[in-house]
Amino acid sequence: MSRKKAKRFDEDEEPKAVKEMKKNRNKQINNEAKNNRKRKLTKKEKKKRRKKIILSAIVLVILVLGITLGSFANKWTTLAVDMVTNESSIVIDSQGNTIAKLR
């Protein structure tokens, strides 16, 4: 009894039919990817996309304004407290000597 060993193919030794199948499959995958990228949007999809963009822009503007106004409100309250306190001002010259005390 003689046993035949199964012949293994390397990629270089593949039959032509297998090479062509792989080549055709790769072309098909590439064409599908191109078609998905180039697909034109319908009017409904364009409207939805436009609405999403406008809504996200509005939300972003509201967030930025809220943060800005919050920081200004904090600064104004600190400034108001500093203005109301009754402390005397001290006038100092460039050498650090006290010239006058104002009330």
PDB file of N, CA and C in Angstrom:
ATOM      1  N   MET A   1       0.822  -1.170   0.000  1.00  0.00           N
ATOM      2  CA  MET A   1       0.000   0.000   0.000  1.00  0.00           C
ATOM      3  C   MET A   1       0.873   1.242   0.000  1.00  0.00           C
ATOM      4  N   SER A   2       0.581   2.050  -0.910  1.00  0.00           N
ATOM      5  CA  SER A   2       1.336   3.295  -0.974  1.00  0.00           C
ATOM      6  C   SER A   2       0.411   4.452  -0.608  1.00  0.00           C
ATOM      7  N   ARG A   3       0.929   5.244   0.204  1.00  0.00           N
ATOM      8  CA  ARG A   3       0.152   6.412   0.613  1.00  0.00           C
ATOM      9  C   ARG A   3       0.675   7.625  -0.139  1.00  0.00           C
ATOM     10  N   LYS A   4      -0.261   8.351  -0.700  1.00  0.00           N
ATOM     11  CA  LYS A   4       0.135   9.580  -1.368  1.00  0.00           C
ATOM     12  C   LYS A   4       0.093  10.719  -0.365  1.00  0.00           C
ATOM     13  N   LYS A   5       1.137  11.479  -0.350  1.00  0.00           N
ATOM     14  CA  LYS A   5       1.178  12.632   0.535  1.00  0.00           C
ATOM     15  C   LYS A   5       0.414  13.782  -0.120  1.00  0.00           C
ATOM     16  N   ALA A   6      -0.337  14.487   0.723  1.00  0.00           N
ATOM     17  CA  ALA A   6      -1.090  15.621   0.200  1.00  0.00           C
ATOM     18  C   ALA A   6      -0.114  16.741  -0.131  1.00  0.00           C
ATOM     19  N   LYS A   7      -0.298  17.299  -1.287  1.00  0.00           N
ATOM     20  CA  LYS A   7       0.595  18.359  -1.729  1.00  0.00           C
ATOM     21  C   LYS A   7       0.117  19.675  -1.132  1.00  0.00           C
ATOM     22  N   ARG A   8       1.016  20.367  -0.474  1.00  0.00           N
ATOM     23  CA  ARG A   8       0.692  21.658   0.107  1.00  0.00           C
ATOM     24  C   ARG A   8       1.138  22.746  -0.842  1.00  0.00           C
ATOM     25  N   PHE A   9       0.295  23.756  -0.930  1.00  0.00           N
ATOM     26  CA  PHE A   9       0.607  24.871  -1.814  1.00  0.00           C
ATOM     27  C   PHE A   9       1.024  26.072  -0.989  1.00  0.00           C
ATOM     28  N   ASP A  10       2.085  26.685  -1.396  1.00  0.00           N
ATOM     29  CA  ASP A  10       2.450  27.972  -0.831  1.00  0.00           C
ATOM     30  C   ASP A  10       1.671  29.023  -1.603  1.00  0.00           C
ATOM     31  N   GLU A  11       1.748  30.246  -1.153  1.00  0.00           N
ATOM     32  CA  GLU A  11       1.031  31.295  -1.865  1.00  0.00           C
ATOM     33  C   GLU A  11       1.572  31.460  -3.274  1.00  0.00           C
ATOM     34  N   ASP A  12       2.848  31.216  -3.457  1.00  0.00           N
ATOM     35  CA  ASP A  12       3.437  31.355  -4.781  1.00  0.00           C
ATOM     36  C   ASP A  12       3.012  30.204  -5.697  1.00  0.00           C
ATOM     37  N   GLU A  13       2.700  29.081  -5.131  1.00  0.00           N
ATOM     38  CA  GLU A  13       2.374  27.899  -5.912  1.00  0.00           C
ATOM     39  C   GLU A  13       0.870  27.634  -6.015  1.00  0.00           C
ATOM     40  N   GLU A  14       0.030  28.609  -5.630  1.00  0.00           N
ATOM     41  CA  GLU A  14      -1.407  28.400  -5.681  1.00  0.00           C
ATOM     42  C   GLU A  14      -1.861  28.242  -7.124  1.00  0.00           C
ATOM     43  N   PRO A  15      -2.881  27.462  -7.323  1.00  0.00           N
ATOM     44  CA  PRO A  15      -3.429  27.331  -8.674  1.00  0.00           C
ATOM     45  C   PRO A  15      -3.990  28.670  -9.164  1.00  0.00           C
ATOM     46  N   LYS A  16      -4.081  28.834 -10.461  1.00  0.00           N
ATOM     47  CA  LYS A  16      -4.542  30.083 -11.045  1.00  0.00           C
ATOM     48  C   LYS A  16      -5.963  30.410 -10.611  1.00  0.00           C
ATOM     49  N   ALA A  17      -6.799  29.406 -10.517  1.00  0.00           N
ATOM     50  CA  ALA A  17      -8.200  29.628 -10.151  1.00  0.00           C
ATOM     51  C   ALA A  17      -8.307  30.246  -8.754  1.00  0.00           C
ATOM     52  N   VAL A  18      -7.475  29.774  -7.817  1.00  0.00           N
ATOM     53  CA  VAL A  18      -7.509  30.299  -6.451  1.00  0.00           C
ATOM     54  C   VAL A  18      -7.014  31.745  -6.447  1.00  0.00           C
ATOM     55  N   LYS A  19      -5.954  32.011  -7.210  1.00  0.00           N
ATOM     56  CA  LYS A  19      -5.438  33.379  -7.294  1.00  0.00           C
ATOM     57  C   LYS A  19      -6.490  34.324  -7.861  1.00  0.00           C
ATOM     58  N   GLU A  20      -7.175  33.893  -8.896  1.00  0.00           N
ATOM     59  CA  GLU A  20      -8.199  34.730  -9.505  1.00  0.00           C
ATOM     60  C   GLU A  20      -9.363  34.974  -8.559  1.00  0.00           C
ATOM     61  N   MET A  21      -9.746  33.939  -7.797  1.00  0.00           N
ATOM     62  CA  MET A  21     -10.837  34.095  -6.832  1.00  0.00           C
ATOM     63  C   MET A  21     -10.476  35.131  -5.777  1.00  0.00           C
ATOM     64  N   LYS A  22      -9.255  35.058  -5.271  1.00  0.00           N
ATOM     65  CA  LYS A  22      -8.813  36.024  -4.263  1.00  0.00           C
ATOM     66  C   LYS A  22      -8.768  37.431  -4.847  1.00  0.00           C
ATOM     67  N   LYS A  23      -8.268  37.535  -6.073  1.00  0.00           N
ATOM     68  CA  LYS A  23      -8.165  38.820  -6.736  1.00  0.00           C
ATOM     69  C   LYS A  23      -9.552  39.427  -6.954  1.00  0.00           C
ATOM     70  N   ASN A  24     -10.490  38.615  -7.423  1.00  0.00           N
ATOM     71  CA  ASN A  24     -11.859  39.088  -7.651  1.00  0.00           C
ATOM     72  C   ASN A  24     -12.534  39.498  -6.339  1.00  0.00           C
ATOM     73  N   ARG A  25     -12.292  38.741  -5.294  1.00  0.00           N
ATOM     74  CA  ARG A  25     -12.885  39.062  -3.993  1.00  0.00           C
ATOM     75  C   ARG A  25     -12.346  40.400  -3.482  1.00  0.00           C
ATOM     76  N   ASN A  26     -11.048  40.615  -3.613  1.00  0.00           N
ATOM     77  CA  ASN A  26     -10.462  41.882  -3.183  1.00  0.00           C
ATOM     78  C   ASN A  26     -11.026  43.052  -3.990  1.00  0.00           C
ATOM     79  N   LYS A  27     -11.200  42.866  -5.297  1.00  0.00           N
ATOM     80  CA  LYS A  27     -11.787  43.911  -6.131  1.00  0.00           C
ATOM     81  C   LYS A  27     -13.207  44.222  -5.678  1.00  0.00           C
ATOM     82  N   GLN A  28     -13.960  43.172  -5.379  1.00  0.00           N
ATOM     83  CA  GLN A  28     -15.341  43.349  -4.947  1.00  0.00           C
ATOM     84  C   GLN A  28     -15.405  44.121  -3.633  1.00  0.00           C
ATOM     85  N   ILE A  29     -14.542  43.793  -2.703  1.00  0.00           N
ATOM     86  CA  ILE A  29     -14.513  44.497  -1.416  1.00  0.00           C
ATOM     87  C   ILE A  29     -14.158  45.960  -1.632  1.00  0.00           C
ATOM     88  N   ASN A  30     -13.153  46.234  -2.478  1.00  0.00           N
ATOM     89  CA  ASN A  30     -12.761  47.613  -2.748  1.00  0.00           C
ATOM     90  C   ASN A  30     -13.880  48.398  -3.421  1.00  0.00           C
ATOM     91  N   ASN A  31     -14.578  47.779  -4.378  1.00  0.00           N
ATOM     92  CA  ASN A  31     -15.686  48.450  -5.058  1.00  0.00           C
ATOM     93  C   ASN A  31     -16.821  48.766  -4.094  1.00  0.00           C
ATOM     94  N   GLU A  32     -17.133  47.845  -3.199  1.00  0.00           N
ATOM     95  CA  GLU A  32     -18.186  48.088  -2.209  1.00  0.00           C
ATOM     96  C   GLU A  32     -17.810  49.246  -1.299  1.00  0.00           C
ATOM     97  N   ALA A  33     -16.548  49.313  -0.897  1.00  0.00           N
ATOM     98  CA  ALA A  33     -16.104  50.400  -0.038  1.00  0.00           C
ATOM     99  C   ALA A  33     -16.208  51.737  -0.770  1.00  0.00           C
ATOM    100  N   LYS A  34     -15.813  51.762  -2.041  1.00  0.00           N
ATOM    101  CA  LYS A  34     -15.911  52.995  -2.824  1.00  0.00           C
ATOM    102  C   LYS A  34     -17.362  53.415  -2.996  1.00  0.00           C
ATOM    103  N   ASN A  35     -18.232  52.461  -3.281  1.00  0.00           N
ATOM    104  CA  ASN A  35     -19.640  52.778  -3.470  1.00  0.00           C
ATOM    105  C   ASN A  35     -20.268  53.324  -2.194  1.00  0.00           C
ATOM    106  N   ASN A  36     -19.874  52.789  -1.053  1.00  0.00           N
ATOM    107  CA  ASN A  36     -20.404  53.280   0.217  1.00  0.00           C
ATOM    108  C   ASN A  36     -19.964  54.713   0.476  1.00  0.00           C
ATOM    109  N   ARG A  37     -18.734  55.048   0.101  1.00  0.00           N
ATOM    110  CA  ARG A  37     -18.231  56.406   0.310  1.00  0.00           C
ATOM    111  C   ARG A  37     -18.880  57.388  -0.657  1.00  0.00           C
ATOM    112  N   LYS A  38     -19.127  56.942  -1.897  1.00  0.00           N
ATOM    113  CA  LYS A  38     -19.637  57.830  -2.930  1.00  0.00           C
ATOM    114  C   LYS A  38     -21.163  57.889  -2.977  1.00  0.00           C
ATOM    115  N   ARG A  39     -21.830  57.128  -2.156  1.00  0.00           N
ATOM    116  CA  ARG A  39     -23.287  57.067  -2.204  1.00  0.00           C
ATOM    117  C   ARG A  39     -23.876  58.445  -1.924  1.00  0.00           C
ATOM    118  N   LYS A  40     -24.807  58.869  -2.770  1.00  0.00           N
ATOM    119  CA  LYS A  40     -25.431  60.170  -2.595  1.00  0.00           C
ATOM    120  C   LYS A  40     -26.494  60.074  -1.514  1.00  0.00           C
ATOM    121  N   LEU A  41     -26.594  61.134  -0.739  1.00  0.00           N
ATOM    122  CA  LEU A  41     -27.577  61.170   0.338  1.00  0.00           C
ATOM    123  C   LEU A  41     -28.929  61.609  -0.213  1.00  0.00           C
ATOM    124  N   THR A  42     -29.975  61.063   0.360  1.00  0.00           N
ATOM    125  CA  THR A  42     -31.318  61.485  -0.031  1.00  0.00           C
ATOM    126  C   THR A  42     -31.644  62.795   0.669  1.00  0.00           C
ATOM    127  N   LYS A  43     -32.753  63.420   0.272  1.00  0.00           N
ATOM    128  CA  LYS A  43     -33.138  64.692   0.869  1.00  0.00           C
ATOM    129  C   LYS A  43     -33.423  64.542   2.360  1.00  0.00           C
ATOM    130  N   LYS A  44     -34.052  63.430   2.745  1.00  0.00           N
ATOM    131  CA  LYS A  44     -34.346  63.202   4.166  1.00  0.00           C
ATOM    132  C   LYS A  44     -33.061  63.073   4.975  1.00  0.00           C
ATOM    133  N   GLU A  45     -32.102  62.331   4.413  1.00  0.00           N
ATOM    134  CA  GLU A  45     -30.827  62.157   5.126  1.00  0.00           C
ATOM    135  C   GLU A  45     -30.090  63.473   5.244  1.00  0.00           C
ATOM    136  N   LYS A  46     -30.158  64.316   4.196  1.00  0.00           N
ATOM    137  CA  LYS A  46     -29.515  65.623   4.253  1.00  0.00           C
ATOM    138  C   LYS A  46     -30.160  66.502   5.317  1.00  0.00           C
ATOM    139  N   LYS A  47     -31.500  66.472   5.390  1.00  0.00           N
ATOM    140  CA  LYS A  47     -32.206  67.261   6.402  1.00  0.00           C
ATOM    141  C   LYS A  47     -31.835  66.797   7.809  1.00  0.00           C
ATOM    142  N   LYS A  48     -31.804  65.482   8.001  1.00  0.00           N
ATOM    143  CA  LYS A  48     -31.453  64.945   9.321  1.00  0.00           C
ATOM    144  C   LYS A  48     -30.046  65.351   9.713  1.00  0.00           C
ATOM    145  N   ARG A  49     -29.124  65.234   8.754  1.00  0.00           N
ATOM    146  CA  ARG A  49     -27.733  65.595   9.037  1.00  0.00           C
ATOM    147  C   ARG A  49     -27.629  67.082   9.367  1.00  0.00           C
ATOM    148  N   ARG A  50     -28.340  67.922   8.599  1.00  0.00           N
ATOM    149  CA  ARG A  50     -28.311  69.365   8.836  1.00  0.00           C
ATOM    150  C   ARG A  50     -28.883  69.691  10.210  1.00  0.00           C
ATOM    151  N   LYS A  51     -29.984  69.028  10.581  1.00  0.00           N
ATOM    152  CA  LYS A  51     -30.590  69.266  11.892  1.00  0.00           C
ATOM    153  C   LYS A  51     -29.638  68.876  13.017  1.00  0.00           C
ATOM    154  N   LYS A  52     -28.953  67.747  12.848  1.00  0.00           N
ATOM    155  CA  LYS A  52     -28.007  67.303  13.879  1.00  0.00           C
ATOM    156  C   LYS A  52     -26.867  68.299  14.040  1.00  0.00           C
ATOM    157  N   ILE A  53     -26.360  68.807  12.927  1.00  0.00           N
ATOM    158  CA  ILE A  53     -25.253  69.762  12.979  1.00  0.00           C
ATOM    159  C   ILE A  53     -25.701  71.049  13.656  1.00  0.00           C
ATOM    160  N   ILE A  54     -26.876  71.551  13.281  1.00  0.00           N
ATOM    161  CA  ILE A  54     -27.384  72.786  13.879  1.00  0.00           C
ATOM    162  C   ILE A  54     -27.639  72.587  15.362  1.00  0.00           C
ATOM    163  N   LEU A  55     -28.235  71.464  15.737  1.00  0.00           N
ATOM    164  CA  LEU A  55     -28.521  71.195  17.149  1.00  0.00           C
ATOM    165  C   LEU A  55     -27.238  71.093  17.967  1.00  0.00           C
ATOM    166  N   SER A  56     -26.238  70.413  17.431  1.00  0.00           N
ATOM    167  CA  SER A  56     -24.972  70.293  18.171  1.00  0.00           C
ATOM    168  C   SER A  56     -24.277  71.641  18.289  1.00  0.00           C
ATOM    169  N   ALA A  57     -24.382  72.502  17.260  1.00  0.00           N
ATOM    170  CA  ALA A  57     -23.793  73.835  17.330  1.00  0.00           C
ATOM    171  C   ALA A  57     -24.487  74.675  18.397  1.00  0.00           C
ATOM    172  N   ILE A  58     -25.816  74.584  18.464  1.00  0.00           N
ATOM    173  CA  ILE A  58     -26.566  75.337  19.474  1.00  0.00           C
ATOM    174  C   ILE A  58     -26.197  74.870  20.876  1.00  0.00           C
ATOM    175  N   VAL A  59     -26.109  73.577  21.067  1.00  0.00           N
ATOM    176  CA  VAL A  59     -25.737  73.040  22.388  1.00  0.00           C
ATOM    177  C   VAL A  59     -24.336  73.500  22.770  1.00  0.00           C
ATOM    178  N   LEU A  60     -23.419  73.492  21.819  1.00  0.00           N
ATOM    179  CA  LEU A  60     -22.049  73.937  22.085  1.00  0.00           C
ATOM    180  C   LEU A  60     -22.014  75.415  22.476  1.00  0.00           C
ATOM    181  N   VAL A  61     -22.767  76.254  21.764  1.00  0.00           N
ATOM    182  CA  VAL A  61     -22.812  77.688  22.079  1.00  0.00           C
ATOM    183  C   VAL A  61     -23.396  77.908  23.472  1.00  0.00           C
ATOM    184  N   ILE A  62     -24.457  77.179  23.805  1.00  0.00           N
ATOM    185  CA  ILE A  62     -25.070  77.325  25.131  1.00  0.00           C
ATOM    186  C   ILE A  62     -24.084  76.918  26.221  1.00  0.00           C
ATOM    187  N   LEU A  63     -23.347  75.842  26.007  1.00  0.00           N
ATOM    188  CA  LEU A  63     -22.355  75.420  27.004  1.00  0.00           C
ATOM    189  C   LEU A  63     -21.270  76.473  27.199  1.00  0.00           C
ATOM    190  N   VAL A  64     -20.759  77.014  26.105  1.00  0.00           N
ATOM    191  CA  VAL A  64     -19.699  78.021  26.199  1.00  0.00           C
ATOM    192  C   VAL A  64     -20.219  79.270  26.898  1.00  0.00           C
ATOM    193  N   LEU A  65     -21.424  79.719  26.529  1.00  0.00           N
ATOM    194  CA  LEU A  65     -22.002  80.897  27.186  1.00  0.00           C
ATOM    195  C   LEU A  65     -22.247  80.642  28.670  1.00  0.00           C
ATOM    196  N   GLY A  66     -22.718  79.468  29.015  1.00  0.00           N
ATOM    197  CA  GLY A  66     -22.961  79.151  30.426  1.00  0.00           C
ATOM    198  C   GLY A  66     -21.682  79.176  31.242  1.00  0.00           C
ATOM    199  N   ILE A  67     -20.636  78.598  30.710  1.00  0.00           N
ATOM    200  CA  ILE A  67     -19.360  78.591  31.428  1.00  0.00           C
ATOM    201  C   ILE A  67     -18.820  80.008  31.563  1.00  0.00           C
ATOM    202  N   THR A  68     -18.900  80.794  30.483  1.00  0.00           N
ATOM    203  CA  THR A  68     -18.390  82.169  30.505  1.00  0.00           C
ATOM    204  C   THR A  68     -19.172  83.019  31.494  1.00  0.00           C
ATOM    205  N   LEU A  69     -20.498  82.954  31.427  1.00  0.00           N
ATOM    206  CA  LEU A  69     -21.313  83.752  32.343  1.00  0.00           C
ATOM    207  C   LEU A  69     -21.115  83.318  33.794  1.00  0.00           C
ATOM    208  N   GLY A  70     -20.942  82.041  34.024  1.00  0.00           N
ATOM    209  CA  GLY A  70     -20.683  81.568  35.386  1.00  0.00           C
ATOM    210  C   GLY A  70     -19.383  82.106  35.948  1.00  0.00           C
ATOM    211  N   SER A  71     -18.347  82.130  35.117  1.00  0.00           N
ATOM    212  CA  SER A  71     -17.068  82.654  35.609  1.00  0.00           C
ATOM    213  C   SER A  71     -17.147  84.158  35.851  1.00  0.00           C
ATOM    214  N   PHE A  72     -17.860  84.890  34.968  1.00  0.00           N
ATOM    215  CA  PHE A  72     -18.007  86.329  35.185  1.00  0.00           C
ATOM    216  C   PHE A  72     -18.816  86.620  36.441  1.00  0.00           C
ATOM    217  N   ALA A  73     -19.858  85.835  36.691  1.00  0.00           N
ATOM    218  CA  ALA A  73     -20.674  86.040  37.893  1.00  0.00           C
ATOM    219  C   ALA A  73     -19.832  85.841  39.143  1.00  0.00           C
ATOM    220  N   ASN A  74     -18.962  84.864  39.129  1.00  0.00           N
ATOM    221  CA  ASN A  74     -18.089  84.619  40.276  1.00  0.00           C
ATOM    222  C   ASN A  74     -17.133  85.797  40.471  1.00  0.00           C
ATOM    223  N   LYS A  75     -16.580  86.320  39.385  1.00  0.00           N
ATOM    224  CA  LYS A  75     -15.666  87.464  39.492  1.00  0.00           C
ATOM    225  C   LYS A  75     -16.384  88.705  39.997  1.00  0.00           C
ATOM    226  N   TRP A  76     -17.634  88.927  39.526  1.00  0.00           N
ATOM    227  CA  TRP A  76     -18.383  90.102  39.961  1.00  0.00           C
ATOM    228  C   TRP A  76     -18.711  90.034  41.449  1.00  0.00           C
ATOM    229  N   THR A  77     -19.073  88.862  41.940  1.00  0.00           N
ATOM    230  CA  THR A  77     -19.379  88.771  43.373  1.00  0.00           C
ATOM    231  C   THR A  77     -18.133  89.033  44.204  1.00  0.00           C
ATOM    232  N   THR A  78     -16.988  88.531  43.761  1.00  0.00           N
ATOM    233  CA  THR A  78     -15.741  88.783  44.478  1.00  0.00           C
ATOM    234  C   THR A  78     -15.396  90.260  44.444  1.00  0.00           C
ATOM    235  N   LEU A  79     -15.587  90.898  43.291  1.00  0.00           N
ATOM    236  CA  LEU A  79     -15.296  92.318  43.144  1.00  0.00           C
ATOM    237  C   LEU A  79     -16.234  93.150  44.009  1.00  0.00           C
ATOM    238  N   ALA A  80     -17.512  92.792  44.059  1.00  0.00           N
ATOM    239  CA  ALA A  80     -18.483  93.525  44.866  1.00  0.00           C
ATOM    240  C   ALA A  80     -18.143  93.438  46.341  1.00  0.00           C
ATOM    241  N   VAL A  81     -17.718  92.285  46.802  1.00  0.00           N
ATOM    242  CA  VAL A  81     -17.339  92.134  48.211  1.00  0.00           C
ATOM    243  C   VAL A  81     -16.121  92.991  48.521  1.00  0.00           C
ATOM    244  N   ASP A  82     -15.163  93.045  47.610  1.00  0.00           N
ATOM    245  CA  ASP A  82     -13.971  93.872  47.821  1.00  0.00           C
ATOM    246  C   ASP A  82     -14.320  95.358  47.837  1.00  0.00           C
ATOM    247  N   MET A  83     -15.308  95.781  47.073  1.00  0.00           N
ATOM    248  CA  MET A  83     -15.683  97.200  47.017  1.00  0.00           C
ATOM    249  C   MET A  83     -16.422  97.644  48.273  1.00  0.00           C
ATOM    250  N   VAL A  84     -17.146  96.729  48.888  1.00  0.00           N
ATOM    251  CA  VAL A  84     -17.979  97.082  50.028  1.00  0.00           C
ATOM    252  C   VAL A  84     -17.179  97.141  51.327  1.00  0.00           C
ATOM    253  N   THR A  85     -16.103  96.388  51.425  1.00  0.00           N
ATOM    254  CA  THR A  85     -15.352  96.364  52.687  1.00  0.00           C
ATOM    255  C   THR A  85     -14.799  97.744  53.001  1.00  0.00           C
ATOM    256  N   ASN A  86     -14.867  98.124  54.287  1.00  0.00           N
ATOM    257  CA  ASN A  86     -14.409  99.440  54.745  1.00  0.00           C
ATOM    258  C   ASN A  86     -12.992  99.324  55.293  1.00  0.00           C
ATOM    259  N   GLU A  87     -12.047  99.423  54.417  1.00  0.00           N
ATOM    260  CA  GLU A  87     -10.655  99.416  54.840  1.00  0.00           C
ATOM    261  C   GLU A  87     -10.000 100.696  54.356  1.00  0.00           C
ATOM    262  N   SER A  88      -9.035 101.130  55.071  1.00  0.00           N
ATOM    263  CA  SER A  88      -8.324 102.324  54.647  1.00  0.00           C
ATOM    264  C   SER A  88      -7.232 101.938  53.657  1.00  0.00           C
ATOM    265  N   SER A  89      -6.995 102.818  52.699  1.00  0.00           N
ATOM    266  CA  SER A  89      -5.971 102.573  51.700  1.00  0.00           C
ATOM    267  C   SER A  89      -4.654 103.164  52.169  1.00  0.00           C
ATOM    268  N   ILE A  90      -3.583 102.493  51.839  1.00  0.00           N
ATOM    269  CA  ILE A  90      -2.252 102.946  52.246  1.00  0.00           C
ATOM    270  C   ILE A  90      -1.464 103.287  50.980  1.00  0.00           C
ATOM    271  N   VAL A  91      -0.881 104.501  50.967  1.00  0.00           N
ATOM    272  CA  VAL A  91      -0.074 104.935  49.832  1.00  0.00           C
ATOM    273  C   VAL A  91       1.383 104.652  50.176  1.00  0.00           C
ATOM    274  N   ILE A  92       2.041 103.887  49.289  1.00  0.00           N
ATOM    275  CA  ILE A  92       3.430 103.477  49.538  1.00  0.00           C
ATOM    276  C   ILE A  92       4.286 103.955  48.377  1.00  0.00           C
ATOM    277  N   ASP A  93       5.506 104.463  48.696  1.00  0.00           N
ATOM    278  CA  ASP A  93       6.399 104.896  47.617  1.00  0.00           C
ATOM    279  C   ASP A  93       7.178 103.703  47.066  1.00  0.00           C
ATOM    280  N   SER A  94       8.062 103.950  46.098  1.00  0.00           N
ATOM    281  CA  SER A  94       8.780 102.881  45.415  1.00  0.00           C
ATOM    282  C   SER A  94       9.740 102.126  46.336  1.00  0.00           C
ATOM    283  N   GLN A  95      10.147 102.742  47.442  1.00  0.00           N
ATOM    284  CA  GLN A  95      11.067 102.077  48.366  1.00  0.00           C
ATOM    285  C   GLN A  95      10.332 101.307  49.452  1.00  0.00           C
ATOM    286  N   GLY A  96       8.982 101.371  49.458  1.00  0.00           N
ATOM    287  CA  GLY A  96       8.202 100.618  50.429  1.00  0.00           C
ATOM    288  C   GLY A  96       7.854 101.404  51.672  1.00  0.00           C
ATOM    289  N   ASN A  97       8.174 102.701  51.714  1.00  0.00           N
ATOM    290  CA  ASN A  97       7.833 103.552  52.869  1.00  0.00           C
ATOM    291  C   ASN A  97       6.396 104.031  52.755  1.00  0.00           C
ATOM    292  N   THR A  98       5.675 104.073  53.899  1.00  0.00           N
ATOM    293  CA  THR A  98       4.290 104.529  53.919  1.00  0.00           C
ATOM    294  C   THR A  98       4.264 106.042  53.835  1.00  0.00           C
ATOM    295  N   ILE A  99       3.514 106.561  52.836  1.00  0.00           N
ATOM    296  CA  ILE A  99       3.414 108.004  52.673  1.00  0.00           C
ATOM    297  C   ILE A  99       2.164 108.517  53.365  1.00  0.00           C
ATOM    298  N   ALA A 100       1.022 107.860  53.108  1.00  0.00           N
ATOM    299  CA  ALA A 100      -0.224 108.338  53.691  1.00  0.00           C
ATOM    300  C   ALA A 100      -1.194 107.184  53.882  1.00  0.00           C
ATOM    301  N   LYS A 101      -2.175 107.441  54.758  1.00  0.00           N
ATOM    302  CA  LYS A 101      -3.234 106.475  54.981  1.00  0.00           C
ATOM    303  C   LYS A 101      -4.549 107.169  54.665  1.00  0.00           C
ATOM    304  N   LEU A 102      -5.286 106.638  53.705  1.00  0.00           N
ATOM    305  CA  LEU A 102      -6.531 107.271  53.268  1.00  0.00           C
ATOM    306  C   LEU A 102      -7.715 106.482  53.809  1.00  0.00           C
ATOM    307  N   ARG A 103      -8.788 107.229  54.197  1.00  0.00           N
ATOM    308  CA  ARG A 103      -9.984 106.562  54.692  1.00  0.00           C
ATOM    309  C   ARG A 103     -11.153 106.828  53.830  1.00  0.00           C
TER     310      ARG A 103
END
